[in-house]
Amino acid sequence: MILNSYSLLMPAQIVFGWGRRTELPALAKSLGQRVFLLSGSQTLVRQGVIAELVTGLQQAGLTVITANAPNHEPEVCDVDRLTRDWSAHKIQPGDCVIAIGGGSTIDLAKAVAALLTNPHGESVQDFLEGVGKGLTLQHDPLPMIAVPTTAGTGSEATKNAVISSYDPPFKKSLRSDRMIPRIVLLDPELTVTVPATTTAYTGMDAITQLMESYISRKAAPIPQALCLQGLQQAWPAIAKAVKNGRDRCAREAMSHAALLSGIALANSGLGMAHGVAAALGVHAKVPHGLACAVMLPPTLRYNLPVKEQELAELGRVCLTDLRGSDAEIARRFIDAVAQLCLAVGIPTRLRDIGVPREQIAALVPASQGNSLSANPRDLTPYDLQHLLESLW
């Protein structure tokens, strides 16, 4: 069999393990002398974990400049504001960025790390796909360490930052191969206090990414192998993590799966579920992971005619007791995905997540973009509107 050519992008260093956040000072010192630290977890702030990490960095001889991320997905104004604040400190060689938080915090930090060294635009919007001036990064961003505190988006391993606006409404990416964080420090212990609902939404985001990357029209061999391992771990773990957040094995499995999902999507793209999820976030302010989870079963069903073999392969990995033809296993697997969503509290109808029926027409054009273009089965605007109407 002749393999298609491919490239692989991923962080230069991945540090994974329970309690390994204590290694942050040494990792930061390998990048520079001054740290711009963005924190997004209020729980970790209240527990003193962030203060403990800052103290460790300072005791290692590093200068630390801190900021807190907003408790929402990053907007154009958030990126521009933090870029101005940190630019006032006169960026210099030896500076680096540390982001401690969920995917939104990491995306915000990635965008700011890029703009600090690329001041040729007036706003991050100038660089965003499809809505800006088409500006591109001319210089490497400040080197960055991503420390995720949720297990979901995989932003710690991706080459883009998703930025939103509500006037005008859009959700677009600042994207460049240069933007992958230099170091990922993944300590699953930091996720144990994440609430059950957030655990479900972020975990289903990771599972959606693993499945969509596997069947994407841009799928490649190494990311597909990572998707299989990620699903093998996440499938039995997500319900356990939702039920008992202090289940160490479940938290470790979900953190690892989320990381693999980020590497996979950075190299293979996604599909319809993520394309529509972006539109649901902008127009109905549906949390990203929830939107992905609601759209996952219908996305798999829509793509079944062109990806039967691949969906059967996923079924055999997730449900080892399945027997039968590819067609039978693929259909039963999609039914099992729908049942998993229900088990972790995911609704099945758009109306149940706050989407007014009259909003569906606006969702169709807003879903167009990088994710939808990677969907393995062609999808016309009419097809998408019909599908969304059926889900309402």
Protein backbone atom coordinates (compact mmCIF):
# COMPACT_ATOMS: atom_id res chain seq x y z
CA MET A 1 0.00 0.00 0.00
CA ILE A 2 1.29 3.45 -0.98
CA LEU A 3 0.96 5.99 1.84
CA ASN A 4 0.04 9.58 1.12
CA SER A 5 2.69 12.13 2.05
CA TYR A 6 2.19 13.94 5.35
CA SER A 7 3.80 16.26 7.89
CA LEU A 8 3.60 16.11 11.67
CA LEU A 9 3.57 19.06 14.06
CA MET A 10 3.62 18.75 17.84
CA PRO A 11 5.12 20.41 20.93
CA ALA A 12 8.88 20.11 21.29
CA GLN A 13 8.56 18.71 24.83
CA ILE A 14 5.69 17.01 26.65
CA VAL A 15 5.92 16.47 30.43
CA PHE A 16 3.08 14.26 31.64
CA GLY A 17 2.39 12.90 35.10
CA TRP A 18 0.53 13.25 38.38
CA GLY A 19 2.11 16.00 40.51
CA ARG A 20 4.67 17.08 37.91
CA ARG A 21 3.68 20.76 38.17
CA THR A 22 6.57 21.03 40.63
CA GLU A 23 8.87 20.91 37.58
CA LEU A 24 7.49 24.18 36.19
CA PRO A 25 10.36 26.42 37.44
CA ALA A 26 13.04 24.27 35.82
CA LEU A 27 11.09 24.12 32.57
CA ALA A 28 10.56 27.89 32.57
CA LYS A 29 14.26 28.54 33.21
CA SER A 30 15.04 26.54 30.08
CA LEU A 31 13.13 29.18 28.07
CA GLY A 32 14.24 32.46 29.65
CA GLN A 33 14.47 34.77 32.61
CA ARG A 34 11.13 36.61 32.65
CA VAL A 35 7.70 34.96 32.70
CA PHE A 36 4.35 36.36 31.64
CA LEU A 37 1.92 34.08 33.46
CA LEU A 38 -1.78 33.89 32.61
CA SER A 39 -4.03 32.04 35.06
CA GLY A 40 -7.57 30.96 34.28
CA SER A 41 -8.61 28.70 37.15
CA GLN A 42 -10.27 30.54 40.02
CA THR A 43 -10.46 27.28 41.98
CA LEU A 44 -6.68 26.87 41.82
CA VAL A 45 -6.28 30.52 42.84
CA ARG A 46 -8.50 30.00 45.90
CA GLN A 47 -6.65 26.83 46.83
CA GLY A 48 -3.31 28.63 46.69
CA VAL A 49 -1.96 26.46 43.87
CA ILE A 50 -1.27 29.40 41.54
CA ALA A 51 0.47 31.36 44.31
CA GLU A 52 2.58 28.30 45.09
CA LEU A 53 3.62 27.99 41.43
CA VAL A 54 4.45 31.70 41.19
CA THR A 55 6.55 31.47 44.36
CA GLY A 56 8.42 28.50 42.91
CA LEU A 57 9.19 30.45 39.73
CA GLN A 58 10.42 33.44 41.74
CA GLN A 59 12.58 31.27 44.00
CA ALA A 60 14.19 29.87 40.84
CA GLY A 61 15.30 33.42 40.00
CA LEU A 62 12.62 34.23 37.43
CA THR A 63 10.77 37.53 37.21
CA VAL A 64 7.02 36.84 37.04
CA ILE A 65 4.35 39.16 35.61
CA THR A 66 0.86 37.78 36.25
CA ALA A 67 -2.60 38.29 34.76
CA ASN A 68 -5.95 36.58 35.16
CA ALA A 69 -7.93 35.29 32.18
CA PRO A 70 -11.63 36.16 31.89
CA ASN A 71 -14.11 33.38 32.62
CA HIS A 72 -15.30 33.14 29.03
CA GLU A 73 -13.94 32.08 25.66
CA PRO A 74 -11.41 34.69 24.46
CA GLU A 75 -12.78 37.62 22.49
CA VAL A 76 -10.98 40.07 20.25
CA CYS A 77 -11.08 42.72 22.98
CA ASP A 78 -9.54 40.33 25.52
CA VAL A 79 -6.59 39.57 23.25
CA ASP A 80 -6.00 43.20 22.35
CA ARG A 81 -6.25 44.34 25.98
CA LEU A 82 -3.77 41.78 27.35
CA THR A 83 -1.40 42.41 24.44
CA ARG A 84 -1.36 46.13 25.31
CA ASP A 85 -0.85 45.40 29.02
CA TRP A 86 2.07 43.05 28.48
CA SER A 87 3.62 45.15 25.69
CA ALA A 88 4.02 47.95 28.26
CA HIS A 89 6.70 45.80 29.91
CA LYS A 90 8.92 46.13 26.81
CA ILE A 91 9.27 42.63 25.42
CA GLN A 92 12.89 41.45 25.28
CA PRO A 93 14.95 38.32 24.63
CA GLY A 94 14.53 35.81 27.45
CA ASP A 95 10.80 36.43 27.86
CA CYS A 96 8.36 33.52 27.84
CA VAL A 97 4.67 32.88 28.47
CA ILE A 98 3.04 30.36 30.81
CA ALA A 99 -0.69 29.62 30.54
CA ILE A 100 -2.34 27.73 33.40
CA GLY A 101 -5.98 26.98 32.72
CA GLY A 102 -8.49 25.48 30.33
CA GLY A 103 -8.53 25.74 26.57
CA SER A 104 -9.84 29.31 26.59
CA THR A 105 -6.96 30.49 28.79
CA ILE A 106 -4.39 28.68 26.67
CA ASP A 107 -5.88 30.08 23.44
CA LEU A 108 -5.78 33.61 24.85
CA ALA A 109 -2.15 33.19 25.90
CA LYS A 110 -1.17 31.71 22.52
CA ALA A 111 -2.71 34.64 20.68
CA VAL A 112 -1.02 37.22 22.92
CA ALA A 113 2.35 35.43 22.74
CA ALA A 114 2.09 35.72 18.96
CA LEU A 115 1.04 39.37 18.85
CA LEU A 116 3.74 40.50 21.29
CA THR A 117 6.39 39.65 18.69
CA ASN A 118 4.28 40.62 15.66
CA PRO A 119 3.13 44.19 16.30
CA HIS A 120 2.42 44.96 12.63
CA GLY A 121 -1.35 44.67 13.12
CA GLU A 122 -3.69 47.01 14.96
CA SER A 123 -5.74 44.14 16.43
CA VAL A 124 -5.77 40.37 16.58
CA GLN A 125 -8.71 40.58 14.18
CA ASP A 126 -6.28 41.64 11.44
CA PHE A 127 -4.78 38.13 11.62
CA LEU A 128 -7.96 36.03 11.93
CA GLU A 129 -9.02 33.68 9.15
CA GLY A 130 -11.77 35.00 6.93
CA VAL A 131 -12.57 38.20 8.85
CA GLY A 132 -9.30 40.12 9.11
CA LYS A 133 -6.82 41.81 6.80
CA GLY A 134 -5.02 38.58 5.96
CA LEU A 135 -1.97 39.45 8.05
CA THR A 136 0.34 36.56 8.95
CA LEU A 137 2.92 36.07 11.67
CA GLN A 138 6.35 37.22 10.51
CA HIS A 139 8.20 36.28 13.72
CA ASP A 140 8.04 33.39 16.16
CA PRO A 141 5.77 34.02 19.17
CA LEU A 142 7.28 34.19 22.62
CA PRO A 143 8.11 30.62 23.70
CA MET A 144 5.27 29.20 25.74
CA ILE A 145 4.53 26.56 28.35
CA ALA A 146 0.93 25.32 28.38
CA VAL A 147 -0.35 23.87 31.66
CA PRO A 148 -3.91 22.61 31.05
CA THR A 149 -6.28 22.35 34.00
CA THR A 150 -9.11 20.71 32.05
CA ALA A 151 -9.10 17.65 29.80
CA GLY A 152 -10.80 18.67 26.60
CA THR A 153 -9.73 21.11 23.91
CA GLY A 154 -6.17 19.89 23.40
CA SER A 155 -5.20 23.54 22.85
CA GLU A 156 -1.89 22.78 24.55
CA ALA A 157 -0.86 20.92 21.38
CA THR A 158 -2.55 22.87 18.57
CA LYS A 159 -1.31 25.52 16.16
CA ASN A 160 -4.23 27.91 16.47
CA ALA A 161 -6.09 30.10 18.93
CA VAL A 162 -9.86 30.40 18.58
CA ILE A 163 -11.06 33.97 19.07
CA SER A 164 -14.67 35.16 19.20
CA SER A 165 -16.61 38.34 18.54
CA TYR A 166 -20.28 39.06 19.10
CA ASP A 167 -20.49 42.37 17.19
CA PRO A 168 -20.04 41.40 14.42
CA PRO A 169 -20.60 37.72 15.31
CA PHE A 170 -17.79 35.32 14.41
CA LYS A 171 -15.57 32.66 15.89
CA LYS A 172 -12.34 32.35 13.94
CA SER A 173 -8.76 31.18 14.38
CA LEU A 174 -5.41 32.86 14.52
CA ARG A 175 -3.44 30.03 12.96
CA SER A 176 0.24 29.37 12.32
CA ASP A 177 2.63 26.45 12.61
CA ARG A 178 4.72 28.76 14.81
CA MET A 179 2.01 28.86 17.50
CA ILE A 180 2.33 25.35 18.94
CA PRO A 181 3.45 25.71 22.58
CA ARG A 182 7.12 24.86 23.09
CA ILE A 183 6.46 22.81 26.25
CA VAL A 184 3.32 21.08 27.53
CA LEU A 185 3.26 20.38 31.27
CA LEU A 186 0.33 18.06 31.83
CA ASP A 187 -0.41 17.29 35.47
CA PRO A 188 -3.78 15.46 35.69
CA GLU A 189 -3.95 16.28 39.41
CA LEU A 190 -4.81 19.86 38.40
CA THR A 191 -8.11 18.58 36.91
CA VAL A 192 -9.56 16.88 39.99
CA THR A 193 -11.57 19.93 41.10
CA VAL A 194 -13.19 20.50 37.70
CA PRO A 195 -17.00 20.26 38.17
CA ALA A 196 -18.87 17.29 36.74
CA THR A 197 -20.65 19.30 34.04
CA THR A 198 -17.42 20.89 32.81
CA THR A 199 -15.74 17.49 32.94
CA ALA A 200 -18.48 16.09 30.71
CA TYR A 201 -18.39 18.96 28.21
CA THR A 202 -14.61 19.15 27.92
CA GLY A 203 -14.24 15.38 27.85
CA MET A 204 -16.77 15.04 25.04
CA ASP A 205 -14.90 17.76 23.16
CA ALA A 206 -11.76 15.61 23.31
CA ILE A 207 -13.70 12.51 22.21
CA THR A 208 -15.28 14.45 19.34
CA GLN A 209 -11.84 15.64 18.24
CA LEU A 210 -10.45 12.12 18.29
CA MET A 211 -13.34 10.79 16.19
CA GLU A 212 -13.49 13.67 13.73
CA SER A 213 -9.72 13.70 13.21
CA TYR A 214 -9.77 9.96 12.53
CA ILE A 215 -12.34 10.25 9.74
CA SER A 216 -11.31 13.69 8.44
CA ARG A 217 -10.61 14.03 4.74
CA LYS A 218 -7.15 15.23 5.83
CA ALA A 219 -6.50 12.24 8.13
CA ALA A 220 -2.88 11.02 8.32
CA PRO A 221 -1.33 7.81 9.69
CA ILE A 222 0.34 9.04 12.91
CA PRO A 223 -2.61 11.18 14.06
CA GLN A 224 -4.96 8.29 13.33
CA ALA A 225 -2.86 6.00 15.52
CA LEU A 226 -3.00 8.59 18.31
CA CYS A 227 -6.79 8.84 17.90
CA LEU A 228 -7.15 5.10 18.45
CA GLN A 229 -5.11 5.18 21.65
CA GLY A 230 -6.90 8.28 22.88
CA LEU A 231 -10.32 6.73 22.36
CA GLN A 232 -9.24 3.48 23.93
CA GLN A 233 -8.45 5.45 27.09
CA ALA A 234 -11.22 8.07 27.04
CA TRP A 235 -14.18 5.82 26.21
CA PRO A 236 -14.28 3.97 29.57
CA ALA A 237 -12.90 6.93 31.56
CA ILE A 238 -15.20 9.86 30.86
CA ALA A 239 -18.24 8.58 32.77
CA LYS A 240 -16.00 7.67 35.71
CA ALA A 241 -14.41 11.14 35.74
CA VAL A 242 -17.84 12.78 35.63
CA LYS A 243 -19.12 10.61 38.50
CA ASN A 244 -16.01 10.91 40.66
CA GLY A 245 -13.66 13.76 39.88
CA ARG A 246 -11.00 12.36 42.20
CA ASP A 247 -10.70 9.10 40.29
CA ARG A 248 -6.99 9.31 39.48
CA CYS A 249 -7.02 6.70 36.71
CA ALA A 250 -9.95 8.38 34.96
CA ARG A 251 -8.42 11.84 35.22
CA GLU A 252 -5.08 10.61 33.87
CA ALA A 253 -6.79 8.84 30.98
CA MET A 254 -8.84 11.92 30.04
CA SER A 255 -5.86 14.28 30.26
CA HIS A 256 -3.79 12.02 28.02
CA ALA A 257 -6.65 11.57 25.56
CA ALA A 258 -7.19 15.34 25.36
CA LEU A 259 -3.51 15.87 24.59
CA LEU A 260 -3.64 13.27 21.82
CA SER A 261 -6.78 14.88 20.43
CA GLY A 262 -4.97 18.20 20.18
CA ILE A 263 -2.04 16.66 18.30
CA ALA A 264 -4.48 14.86 16.00
CA LEU A 265 -6.60 17.88 15.13
CA ALA A 266 -3.52 20.07 14.60
CA ASN A 267 -2.41 17.66 11.88
CA SER A 268 -5.65 16.21 10.48
CA GLY A 269 -8.38 18.78 11.00
CA LEU A 270 -11.88 18.12 12.26
CA GLY A 271 -15.35 18.10 10.69
CA MET A 272 -18.99 19.11 10.81
CA ALA A 273 -19.44 18.83 14.57
CA HIS A 274 -16.76 21.42 15.25
CA GLY A 275 -17.84 23.63 12.37
CA VAL A 276 -21.37 23.86 13.74
CA ALA A 277 -20.10 24.14 17.33
CA ALA A 278 -18.29 27.36 16.45
CA ALA A 279 -21.53 28.83 15.09
CA LEU A 280 -23.50 27.67 18.15
CA GLY A 281 -20.96 29.37 20.39
CA VAL A 282 -21.22 32.72 18.62
CA HIS A 283 -24.95 32.86 17.93
CA ALA A 284 -26.39 31.01 20.95
CA LYS A 285 -23.42 31.15 23.39
CA VAL A 286 -23.51 27.37 23.79
CA PRO A 287 -20.39 26.11 25.63
CA HIS A 288 -18.02 24.65 23.06
CA GLY A 289 -17.76 21.12 24.45
CA LEU A 290 -21.53 20.87 24.86
CA ALA A 291 -22.07 22.01 21.28
CA CYS A 292 -19.56 19.44 19.98
CA ALA A 293 -21.19 16.65 21.98
CA VAL A 294 -24.71 17.47 20.76
CA MET A 295 -23.45 17.46 17.17
CA LEU A 296 -21.28 14.33 17.42
CA PRO A 297 -23.86 11.53 16.84
CA PRO A 298 -25.55 13.30 13.90
CA THR A 299 -22.12 14.06 12.41
CA LEU A 300 -21.14 10.41 12.57
CA ARG A 301 -24.47 9.34 11.06
CA TYR A 302 -24.11 11.83 8.22
CA ASN A 303 -20.59 10.62 7.41
CA LEU A 304 -21.42 6.90 7.70
CA PRO A 305 -21.99 6.38 3.94
CA VAL A 306 -18.41 7.44 3.13
CA LYS A 307 -16.58 6.30 6.29
CA GLU A 308 -18.17 2.96 7.18
CA GLN A 309 -14.87 1.09 7.49
CA GLU A 310 -13.23 3.78 9.64
CA LEU A 311 -16.24 4.03 11.96
CA ALA A 312 -16.22 0.25 12.32
CA GLU A 313 -12.54 0.47 13.29
CA LEU A 314 -13.41 2.99 15.99
CA GLY A 315 -16.22 0.73 17.15
CA ARG A 316 -13.89 -2.23 17.56
CA VAL A 317 -11.50 -0.10 19.65
CA CYS A 318 -14.17 1.38 21.92
CA LEU A 319 -16.48 -1.64 22.18
CA THR A 320 -14.38 -4.76 22.11
CA ASP A 321 -17.40 -7.09 22.24
CA LEU A 322 -18.77 -5.94 18.87
CA ARG A 323 -19.05 -8.61 16.18
CA GLY A 324 -20.36 -8.52 12.64
CA SER A 325 -19.78 -6.72 9.35
CA ASP A 326 -18.32 -3.22 9.11
CA ALA A 327 -21.78 -1.88 8.37
CA GLU A 328 -23.31 -3.50 11.46
CA ILE A 329 -20.46 -2.48 13.77
CA ALA A 330 -20.38 1.11 12.49
CA ARG A 331 -24.12 1.56 13.08
CA ARG A 332 -23.96 0.01 16.55
CA PHE A 333 -20.96 2.18 17.39
CA ILE A 334 -22.82 5.38 16.49
CA ASP A 335 -25.73 4.25 18.67
CA ALA A 336 -23.23 3.64 21.50
CA VAL A 337 -21.81 7.17 21.05
CA ALA A 338 -25.32 8.57 21.43
CA GLN A 339 -25.81 6.52 24.59
CA LEU A 340 -22.49 7.73 26.00
CA CYS A 341 -23.59 11.33 25.45
CA LEU A 342 -26.80 10.66 27.35
CA ALA A 343 -24.88 8.95 30.15
CA VAL A 344 -22.82 12.08 30.82
CA GLY A 345 -25.79 14.45 30.60
CA ILE A 346 -25.68 15.69 27.00
CA PRO A 347 -29.07 16.72 25.51
CA THR A 348 -30.01 15.57 22.01
CA ARG A 349 -32.01 18.56 20.69
CA LEU A 350 -30.87 22.05 19.80
CA ARG A 351 -33.89 23.52 21.58
CA ASP A 352 -32.66 21.92 24.81
CA ILE A 353 -29.38 23.87 24.69
CA GLY A 354 -31.06 27.24 24.16
CA VAL A 355 -31.10 27.53 20.37
CA PRO A 356 -34.21 29.31 19.00
CA ARG A 357 -35.53 27.72 15.82
CA GLU A 358 -35.34 31.01 13.94
CA GLN A 359 -31.58 31.07 14.58
CA ILE A 360 -30.91 28.00 12.44
CA ALA A 361 -30.69 30.00 9.20
CA ALA A 362 -27.84 32.08 10.70
CA LEU A 363 -26.00 28.97 11.89
CA VAL A 364 -25.52 27.63 8.36
CA PRO A 365 -23.19 30.33 6.96
CA ALA A 366 -21.51 30.75 10.37
CA SER A 367 -20.54 27.05 10.31
CA GLN A 368 -18.43 27.45 7.18
CA GLY A 369 -14.70 27.37 7.78
CA ASN A 370 -11.64 25.24 8.36
CA SER A 371 -13.39 22.51 10.36
CA LEU A 372 -16.33 22.04 8.01
CA SER A 373 -14.00 21.92 4.99
CA ALA A 374 -12.33 18.82 6.47
CA ASN A 375 -15.61 16.91 6.86
CA PRO A 376 -15.24 13.69 4.84
CA ARG A 377 -18.67 13.91 3.17
CA ASP A 378 -19.59 16.96 1.15
CA LEU A 379 -22.21 19.13 2.80
CA THR A 380 -24.16 21.84 0.99
CA PRO A 381 -25.79 24.72 2.88
CA TYR A 382 -29.15 23.10 2.09
CA ASP A 383 -27.94 19.78 3.56
CA LEU A 384 -26.74 21.48 6.72
CA GLN A 385 -29.91 23.50 7.21
CA HIS A 386 -32.02 20.37 6.75
CA LEU A 387 -29.88 18.47 9.28
CA LEU A 388 -30.05 21.26 11.86
CA GLU A 389 -33.82 21.56 11.41
CA SER A 390 -34.11 17.83 12.11
CA LEU A 391 -32.12 18.29 15.33
CA TRP A 392 -34.21 21.16 16.66
